[in-house]
Each structure stands twice: as C-alpha cells, then as structure tokens.
Amino acid sequence: MKLACRCGQVEGRIDPRRAHARASCYCRDCRAFARWLGGAGLLDAAGGSDILAMAPDGLQITRGSEKMACMSLGPRGLLRWYASCCRTPLGNVPRDPKVYYLGVPVAAIVEPADAIEAAFGPAGRVAVNTGSATAAVASSRLARLAGTLRIVAGLLAARLRGRRNTLLFDADGLPLREPLVLGRTQRDALSLDP
C-alpha cells in the first residue's frame, strides 16, 4: 500500500502483513498534534485519529526522506513524524527505539477507502482512549481487547528477538531528526477542546 504526504514530496510503501491493528485514538495528544499540523480531515467527528499500529519494518520511505521532520508535545512524549513540506502526519513512535512500534495515520495512506478497509479493517472498530473523545463513541470491548492483544503480541515478539526501530533512529538510538519539543504553554493551548 502506498503512503504519501499531501503534496507528494514524501512517499513510501506499507506492508500490510506487518500491521497489528487499526485503531481510532481519542487522546488529547493526538488531537493536539492534528491541531498543531493545521490539517483539516485528520480527526473524526468525535476527535479521534485513525491510526495503523504496526512494526516499523513494515514501512519503507521511498522518496523524500529529507522532508521528514519530528516534533513532540513534551520532553517525554511520543516522537511524531510529519512531512515538513506540507505538514502531513507520517507516524508516531515511542522515544525508546527498543519499543518496536510505529503508529501510521491512515490519512497518509493514499489508497481507496475500500482497499484500506479490506487490508486493515474498518475505521472505529477498535477505539482507544474514548474517555477523552469530544462526543460519544461506540466501542466494542471485544474488538478493543483483540486489537490490544495483537499490538502487545507484536511488541513482545520484537522484544524477544531484540528488534530495534532503525527506521527513524540512528545506531546510537537517537531520532534521525532533532525533535521540536513544545513547551507546556504551547501544548496546553493545543489541548483545549472547543
């Protein structure tokens, strides 16, 4: 499946076999990141971000890696990658490269909606952090449990194999780009829900 930023300067490929689950995250940080990017259409009606939880080796950047930039909503927050050319979100990773996880915003996948659904399941079936949603969200506990178990199983298998995220980190475990870390005032302003 093809991944690309809105202006097409950053492109990549996603291997669906490396995906763990598709989830809608309703946390305030995902909303704050979407607001910081200024991108319309990044959140659903209840303020959720459609994310593909996957192993980092399932994404290959094929063009425009020099346009990839990194930010964080705080000194210990996730590293949130985006295309500097058009501010398209590209992925979220923990700060520790030993945690073998990549969250790819489905908005960056440039395939027909039915192809995305066939490969990864429907949007909203697995909903997390629903307590922070801006509207009521129907969430199946069974779907959430199954999605969580797939993600945890992938993380544990990678840890047992000694896998490290080398997609977005160098050999010393540092992010490939110096993250822009927002101050508390900036983060708080972005976190305010209307």
N, C-alpha and C. Protein backbone atom coordinates (compact mmCIF):
# COMPACT_ATOMS: atom_id res chain seq x y z
N MET A 1 0.84 -1.17 0.00
CA MET A 1 0.00 0.00 0.00
C MET A 1 0.89 1.24 0.00
N LYS A 2 0.43 2.25 -0.68
CA LYS A 2 1.23 3.46 -0.83
C LYS A 2 0.92 4.47 0.27
N LEU A 3 1.98 5.09 0.78
CA LEU A 3 1.89 6.18 1.74
C LEU A 3 2.46 7.42 1.06
N ALA A 4 1.85 8.57 1.26
CA ALA A 4 2.39 9.81 0.69
C ALA A 4 1.88 11.01 1.47
N CYS A 5 2.68 12.06 1.47
CA CYS A 5 2.22 13.31 2.05
C CYS A 5 1.27 13.97 1.06
N ARG A 6 0.57 15.00 1.50
CA ARG A 6 -0.44 15.64 0.66
C ARG A 6 0.14 16.22 -0.63
N CYS A 7 1.36 16.76 -0.59
CA CYS A 7 1.92 17.37 -1.80
C CYS A 7 2.74 16.38 -2.63
N GLY A 8 2.94 15.17 -2.12
CA GLY A 8 3.60 14.13 -2.90
C GLY A 8 5.12 14.13 -2.84
N GLN A 9 5.71 14.98 -2.03
CA GLN A 9 7.18 15.00 -1.96
C GLN A 9 7.76 13.87 -1.11
N VAL A 10 6.95 13.33 -0.19
CA VAL A 10 7.36 12.17 0.61
C VAL A 10 6.48 11.00 0.22
N GLU A 11 7.10 9.89 -0.12
CA GLU A 11 6.35 8.69 -0.49
C GLU A 11 6.96 7.47 0.19
N GLY A 12 6.12 6.47 0.35
CA GLY A 12 6.59 5.23 0.95
C GLY A 12 5.64 4.09 0.65
N ARG A 13 6.01 2.92 1.15
CA ARG A 13 5.20 1.71 0.98
C ARG A 13 4.97 1.08 2.35
N ILE A 14 3.75 0.59 2.55
CA ILE A 14 3.38 -0.11 3.78
C ILE A 14 3.12 -1.57 3.44
N ASP A 15 3.73 -2.45 4.22
CA ASP A 15 3.49 -3.88 4.08
C ASP A 15 2.35 -4.26 5.03
N PRO A 16 1.16 -4.55 4.51
CA PRO A 16 0.02 -4.87 5.38
C PRO A 16 0.27 -6.05 6.32
N ARG A 17 1.19 -6.94 5.95
CA ARG A 17 1.47 -8.09 6.81
C ARG A 17 2.14 -7.69 8.11
N ARG A 18 2.69 -6.48 8.20
CA ARG A 18 3.39 -6.01 9.40
C ARG A 18 2.48 -5.17 10.30
N ALA A 19 1.21 -5.04 9.91
CA ALA A 19 0.25 -4.27 10.72
C ALA A 19 -0.30 -5.14 11.84
N HIS A 20 -0.48 -4.54 13.01
CA HIS A 20 -1.06 -5.24 14.16
C HIS A 20 -2.56 -4.98 14.26
N ALA A 21 -2.95 -3.72 14.15
CA ALA A 21 -4.35 -3.35 14.31
C ALA A 21 -4.57 -1.94 13.79
N ARG A 22 -5.79 -1.67 13.39
CA ARG A 22 -6.22 -0.32 13.03
C ARG A 22 -7.08 0.18 14.18
N ALA A 23 -6.73 1.34 14.72
CA ALA A 23 -7.44 1.84 15.90
C ALA A 23 -7.71 3.33 15.76
N SER A 24 -8.78 3.77 16.35
CA SER A 24 -9.08 5.19 16.45
C SER A 24 -8.69 5.63 17.86
N CYS A 25 -7.74 6.57 17.94
CA CYS A 25 -7.27 7.05 19.23
C CYS A 25 -7.91 8.40 19.53
N TYR A 26 -8.52 8.51 20.71
CA TYR A 26 -9.22 9.73 21.10
C TYR A 26 -8.48 10.52 22.17
N CYS A 27 -7.19 10.28 22.33
CA CYS A 27 -6.44 11.00 23.36
C CYS A 27 -6.26 12.47 22.97
N ARG A 28 -6.06 13.29 23.97
CA ARG A 28 -5.87 14.73 23.75
C ARG A 28 -4.60 15.02 22.97
N ASP A 29 -3.57 14.19 23.14
CA ASP A 29 -2.31 14.41 22.43
C ASP A 29 -2.47 14.22 20.92
N CYS A 30 -3.24 13.22 20.52
CA CYS A 30 -3.46 13.03 19.06
C CYS A 30 -4.21 14.23 18.49
N ARG A 31 -5.20 14.74 19.25
CA ARG A 31 -5.91 15.94 18.78
C ARG A 31 -4.99 17.15 18.74
N ALA A 32 -4.14 17.30 19.75
CA ALA A 32 -3.21 18.43 19.80
C ALA A 32 -2.25 18.38 18.61
N PHE A 33 -1.77 17.20 18.28
CA PHE A 33 -0.86 17.06 17.13
C PHE A 33 -1.57 17.45 15.84
N ALA A 34 -2.81 16.98 15.66
CA ALA A 34 -3.58 17.33 14.46
C ALA A 34 -3.78 18.85 14.38
N ARG A 35 -4.07 19.47 15.51
CA ARG A 35 -4.24 20.93 15.52
C ARG A 35 -2.92 21.64 15.20
N TRP A 36 -1.83 21.14 15.76
CA TRP A 36 -0.52 21.73 15.50
C TRP A 36 -0.19 21.67 14.01
N LEU A 37 -0.54 20.56 13.38
CA LEU A 37 -0.30 20.42 11.94
C LEU A 37 -1.20 21.35 11.13
N GLY A 38 -2.36 21.70 11.69
CA GLY A 38 -3.30 22.57 10.98
C GLY A 38 -4.04 21.85 9.87
N GLY A 39 -4.05 20.53 9.94
CA GLY A 39 -4.65 19.75 8.88
C GLY A 39 -6.11 19.42 9.11
N ALA A 40 -6.95 19.90 8.23
CA ALA A 40 -8.37 19.52 8.28
C ALA A 40 -8.48 18.06 7.82
N GLY A 41 -9.44 17.37 8.36
CA GLY A 41 -9.68 15.99 7.94
C GLY A 41 -8.80 14.96 8.62
N LEU A 42 -8.06 15.36 9.64
CA LEU A 42 -7.19 14.41 10.35
C LEU A 42 -7.90 13.73 11.52
N LEU A 43 -9.04 14.27 11.94
CA LEU A 43 -9.77 13.73 13.08
C LEU A 43 -11.19 13.38 12.67
N ASP A 44 -11.77 12.37 13.33
CA ASP A 44 -13.16 12.04 13.05
C ASP A 44 -14.08 12.97 13.85
N ALA A 45 -15.38 12.77 13.75
CA ALA A 45 -16.35 13.67 14.37
C ALA A 45 -16.25 13.73 15.89
N ALA A 46 -15.67 12.69 16.52
CA ALA A 46 -15.52 12.68 17.97
C ALA A 46 -14.09 13.02 18.39
N GLY A 47 -13.28 13.52 17.46
CA GLY A 47 -11.91 13.94 17.78
C GLY A 47 -10.90 12.83 17.79
N GLY A 48 -11.18 11.74 17.09
CA GLY A 48 -10.26 10.60 17.04
C GLY A 48 -9.36 10.61 15.83
N SER A 49 -8.19 10.05 16.02
CA SER A 49 -7.20 9.91 14.95
C SER A 49 -7.15 8.45 14.53
N ASP A 50 -7.33 8.18 13.25
CA ASP A 50 -7.33 6.82 12.69
C ASP A 50 -5.87 6.40 12.50
N ILE A 51 -5.42 5.41 13.28
CA ILE A 51 -4.02 5.00 13.32
C ILE A 51 -3.88 3.53 12.97
N LEU A 52 -2.85 3.22 12.19
CA LEU A 52 -2.48 1.84 11.90
C LEU A 52 -1.29 1.49 12.79
N ALA A 53 -1.51 0.63 13.78
CA ALA A 53 -0.44 0.18 14.68
C ALA A 53 0.31 -0.93 13.98
N MET A 54 1.64 -0.76 13.86
CA MET A 54 2.40 -1.73 13.09
C MET A 54 3.85 -1.82 13.55
N ALA A 55 4.57 -2.78 12.99
CA ALA A 55 6.01 -2.90 13.21
C ALA A 55 6.70 -1.89 12.30
N PRO A 56 7.74 -1.21 12.78
CA PRO A 56 8.41 -0.20 11.97
C PRO A 56 8.98 -0.72 10.65
N ASP A 57 9.38 -2.00 10.61
CA ASP A 57 9.93 -2.51 9.35
C ASP A 57 8.86 -2.71 8.28
N GLY A 58 7.61 -2.46 8.62
CA GLY A 58 6.53 -2.54 7.64
C GLY A 58 6.37 -1.27 6.82
N LEU A 59 7.16 -0.25 7.12
CA LEU A 59 7.13 1.00 6.36
C LEU A 59 8.48 1.24 5.72
N GLN A 60 8.46 1.54 4.46
CA GLN A 60 9.68 1.90 3.73
C GLN A 60 9.44 3.26 3.09
N ILE A 61 10.29 4.22 3.39
CA ILE A 61 10.22 5.53 2.75
C ILE A 61 11.00 5.43 1.44
N THR A 62 10.33 5.68 0.34
CA THR A 62 10.95 5.50 -0.97
C THR A 62 11.40 6.81 -1.62
N ARG A 63 10.86 7.91 -1.12
CA ARG A 63 11.22 9.21 -1.70
C ARG A 63 10.95 10.31 -0.69
N GLY A 64 11.85 11.29 -0.63
CA GLY A 64 11.62 12.47 0.18
C GLY A 64 11.96 12.36 1.64
N SER A 65 12.80 11.42 2.04
CA SER A 65 13.11 11.27 3.47
C SER A 65 13.72 12.54 4.06
N GLU A 66 14.36 13.34 3.22
CA GLU A 66 14.94 14.60 3.72
C GLU A 66 13.86 15.60 4.13
N LYS A 67 12.62 15.37 3.73
CA LYS A 67 11.50 16.26 4.10
C LYS A 67 10.81 15.81 5.40
N MET A 68 11.26 14.69 5.96
CA MET A 68 10.65 14.21 7.21
C MET A 68 11.17 15.02 8.38
N ALA A 69 10.26 15.46 9.24
CA ALA A 69 10.60 16.22 10.43
C ALA A 69 9.95 15.56 11.64
N CYS A 70 10.39 15.97 12.81
CA CYS A 70 9.93 15.33 14.05
C CYS A 70 9.58 16.40 15.08
N MET A 71 8.52 16.13 15.83
CA MET A 71 8.14 17.00 16.94
C MET A 71 7.65 16.14 18.08
N SER A 72 7.54 16.76 19.24
CA SER A 72 7.00 16.08 20.41
C SER A 72 6.21 17.10 21.21
N LEU A 73 5.14 16.66 21.82
CA LEU A 73 4.30 17.55 22.61
C LEU A 73 4.87 17.81 24.00
N GLY A 74 5.99 17.20 24.30
CA GLY A 74 6.65 17.41 25.59
C GLY A 74 7.95 16.64 25.63
N PRO A 75 8.75 16.85 26.65
CA PRO A 75 10.08 16.23 26.71
C PRO A 75 10.05 14.70 26.83
N ARG A 76 8.94 14.13 27.23
CA ARG A 76 8.84 12.67 27.32
C ARG A 76 7.77 12.10 26.40
N GLY A 77 7.16 12.93 25.58
CA GLY A 77 6.08 12.48 24.71
C GLY A 77 6.55 11.68 23.52
N LEU A 78 5.59 11.09 22.82
CA LEU A 78 5.89 10.37 21.59
C LEU A 78 6.64 11.27 20.61
N LEU A 79 7.43 10.66 19.76
CA LEU A 79 8.04 11.38 18.65
C LEU A 79 7.05 11.28 17.50
N ARG A 80 6.61 12.43 17.03
CA ARG A 80 5.58 12.49 15.99
C ARG A 80 6.22 13.02 14.72
N TRP A 81 6.22 12.17 13.71
CA TRP A 81 6.89 12.47 12.44
C TRP A 81 5.88 13.01 11.45
N TYR A 82 6.33 13.96 10.64
CA TYR A 82 5.46 14.59 9.65
C TYR A 82 6.30 15.07 8.48
N ALA A 83 5.63 15.36 7.37
CA ALA A 83 6.30 15.91 6.19
C ALA A 83 6.41 17.41 6.37
N SER A 84 7.63 17.93 6.38
CA SER A 84 7.83 19.37 6.58
C SER A 84 7.33 20.20 5.41
N CYS A 85 7.20 19.58 4.25
CA CYS A 85 6.76 20.30 3.05
C CYS A 85 5.29 20.70 3.12
N CYS A 86 4.44 19.85 3.71
CA CYS A 86 3.00 20.14 3.71
C CYS A 86 2.32 19.77 5.03
N ARG A 87 3.14 19.41 6.03
CA ARG A 87 2.66 19.11 7.38
C ARG A 87 1.66 17.94 7.42
N THR A 88 1.93 16.92 6.64
CA THR A 88 1.14 15.69 6.67
C THR A 88 1.71 14.78 7.76
N PRO A 89 0.88 14.25 8.66
CA PRO A 89 1.40 13.32 9.67
C PRO A 89 1.83 12.01 9.00
N LEU A 90 2.98 11.48 9.44
CA LEU A 90 3.51 10.26 8.83
C LEU A 90 3.64 9.10 9.81
N GLY A 91 3.82 9.40 11.09
CA GLY A 91 3.95 8.31 12.05
C GLY A 91 4.30 8.79 13.44
N ASN A 92 3.99 7.95 14.41
CA ASN A 92 4.29 8.21 15.81
C ASN A 92 5.09 7.03 16.35
N VAL A 93 6.14 7.33 17.11
CA VAL A 93 6.93 6.26 17.73
C VAL A 93 7.27 6.64 19.16
N PRO A 94 7.44 5.63 20.04
CA PRO A 94 7.95 5.91 21.37
C PRO A 94 9.38 6.44 21.28
N ARG A 95 9.84 7.12 22.31
CA ARG A 95 11.20 7.67 22.32
C ARG A 95 12.27 6.59 22.41
N ASP A 96 11.92 5.42 22.90
CA ASP A 96 12.87 4.33 23.05
C ASP A 96 12.83 3.44 21.80
N PRO A 97 13.93 3.38 21.03
CA PRO A 97 13.91 2.56 19.81
C PRO A 97 13.77 1.06 20.08
N LYS A 98 13.92 0.64 21.35
CA LYS A 98 13.73 -0.77 21.68
C LYS A 98 12.25 -1.14 21.72
N VAL A 99 11.38 -0.14 21.81
CA VAL A 99 9.93 -0.40 21.73
C VAL A 99 9.59 -0.39 20.25
N TYR A 100 9.39 -1.57 19.71
CA TYR A 100 9.27 -1.78 18.27
C TYR A 100 7.84 -1.51 17.81
N TYR A 101 7.51 -0.22 17.72
CA TYR A 101 6.14 0.19 17.40
C TYR A 101 6.18 1.42 16.52
N LEU A 102 5.26 1.46 15.58
CA LEU A 102 5.04 2.62 14.72
C LEU A 102 3.54 2.78 14.54
N GLY A 103 3.03 3.97 14.80
CA GLY A 103 1.62 4.28 14.54
C GLY A 103 1.54 5.17 13.31
N VAL A 104 0.98 4.66 12.23
CA VAL A 104 0.88 5.42 10.98
C VAL A 104 -0.54 5.97 10.83
N PRO A 105 -0.69 7.28 10.70
CA PRO A 105 -2.02 7.84 10.46
C PRO A 105 -2.58 7.34 9.13
N VAL A 106 -3.77 6.80 9.18
CA VAL A 106 -4.38 6.26 7.96
C VAL A 106 -4.57 7.37 6.92
N ALA A 107 -4.65 8.62 7.38
CA ALA A 107 -4.78 9.75 6.45
C ALA A 107 -3.61 9.85 5.48
N ALA A 108 -2.46 9.25 5.82
CA ALA A 108 -1.28 9.30 4.95
C ALA A 108 -1.25 8.14 3.96
N ILE A 109 -2.20 7.22 4.06
CA ILE A 109 -2.24 6.09 3.12
C ILE A 109 -3.08 6.51 1.92
N VAL A 110 -2.48 6.52 0.75
CA VAL A 110 -3.16 7.00 -0.45
C VAL A 110 -3.65 5.83 -1.30
N GLU A 111 -4.62 5.16 -0.77
CA GLU A 111 -5.28 4.03 -1.44
C GLU A 111 -6.79 4.26 -1.28
N PRO A 112 -7.60 3.65 -2.13
CA PRO A 112 -9.05 3.78 -1.97
C PRO A 112 -9.50 3.26 -0.59
N ALA A 113 -10.52 3.89 -0.04
CA ALA A 113 -11.01 3.53 1.29
C ALA A 113 -11.36 2.05 1.39
N ASP A 114 -11.94 1.48 0.33
CA ASP A 114 -12.31 0.06 0.40
C ASP A 114 -11.08 -0.84 0.44
N ALA A 115 -9.98 -0.44 -0.21
CA ALA A 115 -8.74 -1.22 -0.17
C ALA A 115 -8.12 -1.15 1.22
N ILE A 116 -8.17 0.03 1.85
CA ILE A 116 -7.65 0.19 3.20
C ILE A 116 -8.47 -0.66 4.17
N GLU A 117 -9.78 -0.62 4.03
CA GLU A 117 -10.64 -1.41 4.91
C GLU A 117 -10.43 -2.91 4.71
N ALA A 118 -10.25 -3.33 3.47
CA ALA A 118 -10.01 -4.75 3.20
C ALA A 118 -8.69 -5.22 3.82
N ALA A 119 -7.68 -4.36 3.82
CA ALA A 119 -6.37 -4.73 4.35
C ALA A 119 -6.29 -4.65 5.87
N PHE A 120 -6.95 -3.64 6.46
CA PHE A 120 -6.74 -3.36 7.88
C PHE A 120 -8.00 -3.35 8.74
N GLY A 121 -9.17 -3.54 8.14
CA GLY A 121 -10.42 -3.50 8.88
C GLY A 121 -11.02 -2.11 8.85
N PRO A 122 -12.26 -1.98 9.33
CA PRO A 122 -12.94 -0.69 9.28
C PRO A 122 -12.44 0.29 10.33
N ALA A 123 -12.58 1.55 10.03
CA ALA A 123 -12.23 2.60 10.99
C ALA A 123 -13.18 2.54 12.17
N GLY A 124 -12.66 2.82 13.36
CA GLY A 124 -13.50 2.91 14.55
C GLY A 124 -13.87 1.62 15.22
N ARG A 125 -13.56 0.47 14.62
CA ARG A 125 -13.90 -0.79 15.26
C ARG A 125 -13.14 -0.95 16.57
N VAL A 126 -11.85 -0.58 16.55
CA VAL A 126 -11.04 -0.58 17.77
C VAL A 126 -10.88 0.88 18.17
N ALA A 127 -11.46 1.26 19.29
CA ALA A 127 -11.40 2.65 19.77
C ALA A 127 -10.68 2.66 21.12
N VAL A 128 -9.68 3.54 21.24
CA VAL A 128 -8.92 3.63 22.48
C VAL A 128 -8.98 5.06 23.01
N ASN A 129 -8.79 5.18 24.31
CA ASN A 129 -8.84 6.49 24.98
C ASN A 129 -10.17 7.20 24.75
N THR A 130 -11.26 6.44 24.76
CA THR A 130 -12.57 7.00 24.46
C THR A 130 -13.05 7.98 25.53
N GLY A 131 -12.47 7.92 26.72
CA GLY A 131 -12.84 8.86 27.77
C GLY A 131 -12.49 10.30 27.42
N SER A 132 -11.58 10.48 26.49
CA SER A 132 -11.17 11.82 26.06
C SER A 132 -11.87 12.26 24.78
N ALA A 133 -12.76 11.44 24.24
CA ALA A 133 -13.46 11.79 22.99
C ALA A 133 -14.30 13.04 23.20
N THR A 134 -14.50 13.79 22.14
CA THR A 134 -15.30 15.02 22.21
C THR A 134 -16.78 14.76 22.00
N ALA A 135 -17.13 13.53 21.68
CA ALA A 135 -18.52 13.11 21.52
C ALA A 135 -18.59 11.63 21.88
N ALA A 136 -19.78 11.10 22.03
CA ALA A 136 -19.94 9.70 22.38
C ALA A 136 -19.36 8.80 21.28
N VAL A 137 -18.66 7.74 21.71
CA VAL A 137 -18.04 6.80 20.78
C VAL A 137 -18.49 5.40 21.17
N ALA A 138 -19.05 4.69 20.20
CA ALA A 138 -19.41 3.29 20.43
C ALA A 138 -18.15 2.46 20.25
N SER A 139 -17.85 1.65 21.24
CA SER A 139 -16.63 0.87 21.20
C SER A 139 -16.91 -0.53 21.73
N SER A 140 -16.55 -1.52 20.94
CA SER A 140 -16.72 -2.90 21.36
C SER A 140 -15.54 -3.30 22.24
N ARG A 141 -15.84 -3.76 23.43
CA ARG A 141 -14.76 -4.19 24.34
C ARG A 141 -13.99 -5.36 23.74
N LEU A 142 -14.69 -6.25 23.06
CA LEU A 142 -14.04 -7.41 22.45
C LEU A 142 -13.07 -6.97 21.35
N ALA A 143 -13.50 -6.05 20.49
CA ALA A 143 -12.62 -5.55 19.42
C ALA A 143 -11.42 -4.83 20.01
N ARG A 144 -11.64 -4.02 21.06
CA ARG A 144 -10.54 -3.29 21.71
C ARG A 144 -9.56 -4.26 22.34
N LEU A 145 -10.07 -5.30 23.00
CA LEU A 145 -9.21 -6.31 23.61
C LEU A 145 -8.41 -7.06 22.55
N ALA A 146 -9.07 -7.47 21.47
CA ALA A 146 -8.38 -8.20 20.40
C ALA A 146 -7.29 -7.33 19.77
N GLY A 147 -7.60 -6.07 19.50
CA GLY A 147 -6.61 -5.16 18.91
C GLY A 147 -5.43 -4.94 19.84
N THR A 148 -5.73 -4.74 21.13
CA THR A 148 -4.67 -4.54 22.11
C THR A 148 -3.78 -5.77 22.21
N LEU A 149 -4.38 -6.95 22.21
CA LEU A 149 -3.60 -8.19 22.29
C LEU A 149 -2.69 -8.36 21.07
N ARG A 150 -3.17 -8.00 19.89
CA ARG A 150 -2.33 -8.10 18.68
C ARG A 150 -1.14 -7.15 18.78
N ILE A 151 -1.37 -5.95 19.27
CA ILE A 151 -0.28 -4.97 19.41
C ILE A 151 0.73 -5.46 20.45
N VAL A 152 0.25 -5.89 21.60
CA VAL A 152 1.13 -6.37 22.66
C VAL A 152 1.92 -7.60 22.20
N ALA A 153 1.26 -8.52 21.50
CA ALA A 153 1.96 -9.70 20.99
C ALA A 153 3.08 -9.30 20.04
N GLY A 154 2.82 -8.34 19.17
CA GLY A 154 3.85 -7.85 18.25
C GLY A 154 5.01 -7.22 18.99
N LEU A 155 4.71 -6.42 20.01
CA LEU A 155 5.76 -5.78 20.81
C LEU A 155 6.60 -6.81 21.56
N LEU A 156 5.94 -7.79 22.16
CA LEU A 156 6.67 -8.83 22.90
C LEU A 156 7.55 -9.67 21.99
N ALA A 157 7.02 -10.06 20.83
CA ALA A 157 7.80 -10.85 19.89
C ALA A 157 9.03 -10.08 19.43
N ALA A 158 8.87 -8.79 19.17
CA ALA A 158 10.01 -7.96 18.74
C ALA A 158 11.03 -7.83 19.87
N ARG A 159 10.57 -7.68 21.11
CA ARG A 159 11.48 -7.55 22.25
C ARG A 159 12.28 -8.84 22.43
N LEU A 160 11.60 -10.00 22.31
CA LEU A 160 12.31 -11.28 22.46
C LEU A 160 13.35 -11.48 21.36
N ARG A 161 13.09 -10.93 20.19
CA ARG A 161 14.04 -11.05 19.07
C ARG A 161 15.10 -9.95 19.10
N GLY A 162 14.99 -9.02 20.04
CA GLY A 162 15.96 -7.94 20.14
C GLY A 162 15.82 -6.90 19.03
N ARG A 163 14.63 -6.76 18.47
CA ARG A 163 14.41 -5.80 17.38
C ARG A 163 14.47 -4.38 17.90
N ARG A 164 15.00 -3.49 17.08
CA ARG A 164 15.07 -2.05 17.38
C ARG A 164 14.51 -1.29 16.19
N ASN A 165 13.95 -0.15 16.47
CA ASN A 165 13.43 0.71 15.41
C ASN A 165 14.60 1.41 14.74
N THR A 166 14.98 0.95 13.57
CA THR A 166 16.07 1.58 12.80
C THR A 166 15.51 2.43 11.67
N LEU A 167 14.19 2.48 11.54
CA LEU A 167 13.57 3.30 10.51
C LEU A 167 13.74 4.78 10.84
N LEU A 168 13.54 5.15 12.09
CA LEU A 168 13.54 6.56 12.48
C LEU A 168 14.59 6.92 13.53
N PHE A 169 15.47 5.95 13.85
CA PHE A 169 16.53 6.17 14.83
C PHE A 169 17.87 5.77 14.23
N ASP A 170 18.95 6.42 14.69
CA ASP A 170 20.29 6.05 14.22
C ASP A 170 20.85 4.92 15.08
N ALA A 171 22.09 4.52 14.81
CA ALA A 171 22.70 3.40 15.52
C ALA A 171 22.88 3.67 17.00
N ASP A 172 22.94 4.94 17.40
CA ASP A 172 23.08 5.30 18.81
C ASP A 172 21.74 5.43 19.53
N GLY A 173 20.64 5.18 18.82
CA GLY A 173 19.32 5.26 19.42
C GLY A 173 18.74 6.66 19.44
N LEU A 174 19.32 7.57 18.67
CA LEU A 174 18.82 8.94 18.60
C LEU A 174 17.91 9.11 17.39
N PRO A 175 16.87 9.94 17.50
CA PRO A 175 16.00 10.16 16.34
C PRO A 175 16.81 10.71 15.17
N LEU A 176 16.43 10.31 13.96
CA LEU A 176 17.14 10.78 12.76
C LEU A 176 17.06 12.28 12.58
N ARG A 177 16.04 12.91 13.15
CA ARG A 177 15.91 14.38 13.14
C ARG A 177 15.74 14.84 14.57
N GLU A 178 16.32 15.97 14.88
CA GLU A 178 16.15 16.56 16.21
C GLU A 178 14.69 16.97 16.37
N PRO A 179 14.00 16.45 17.39
CA PRO A 179 12.59 16.81 17.54
C PRO A 179 12.40 18.23 18.05
N LEU A 180 11.42 18.88 17.51
CA LEU A 180 10.94 20.15 18.05
C LEU A 180 10.06 19.78 19.24
N VAL A 181 10.43 20.20 20.43
CA VAL A 181 9.68 19.86 21.64
C VAL A 181 8.90 21.10 22.08
N LEU A 182 7.58 20.96 22.11
CA LEU A 182 6.74 22.08 22.50
C LEU A 182 6.82 22.31 24.00
N GLY A 183 6.72 23.58 24.38
CA GLY A 183 6.66 23.93 25.79
C GLY A 183 5.26 23.69 26.34
N ARG A 184 5.15 23.70 27.63
CA ARG A 184 3.87 23.41 28.29
C ARG A 184 2.76 24.37 27.84
N THR A 185 3.07 25.66 27.70
CA THR A 185 2.05 26.63 27.30
C THR A 185 1.53 26.33 25.90
N GLN A 186 2.45 26.01 24.98
CA GLN A 186 2.04 25.66 23.61
C GLN A 186 1.17 24.41 23.62
N ARG A 187 1.63 23.39 24.34
CA ARG A 187 0.90 22.12 24.40
C ARG A 187 -0.48 22.33 25.01
N ASP A 188 -0.56 23.08 26.10
CA ASP A 188 -1.86 23.32 26.74
C ASP A 188 -2.82 24.05 25.82
N ALA A 189 -2.31 25.01 25.05
CA ALA A 189 -3.17 25.75 24.11
C ALA A 189 -3.72 24.83 23.04
N LEU A 190 -2.93 23.87 22.58
CA LEU A 190 -3.38 22.93 21.55
C LEU A 190 -4.33 21.88 22.11
N SER A 191 -4.26 21.63 23.40
CA SER A 191 -5.07 20.58 24.02
C SER A 191 -6.46 21.03 24.41
N LEU A 192 -6.74 22.31 24.31
CA LEU A 192 -8.07 22.81 24.69
C LEU A 192 -9.10 22.40 23.66
N ASP A 193 -10.13 21.71 24.11
CA ASP A 193 -11.20 21.31 23.21
C ASP A 193 -12.27 22.39 23.19
N PRO A 194 -12.85 22.64 22.00
CA PRO A 194 -13.88 23.67 21.89
C PRO A 194 -15.12 23.31 22.69
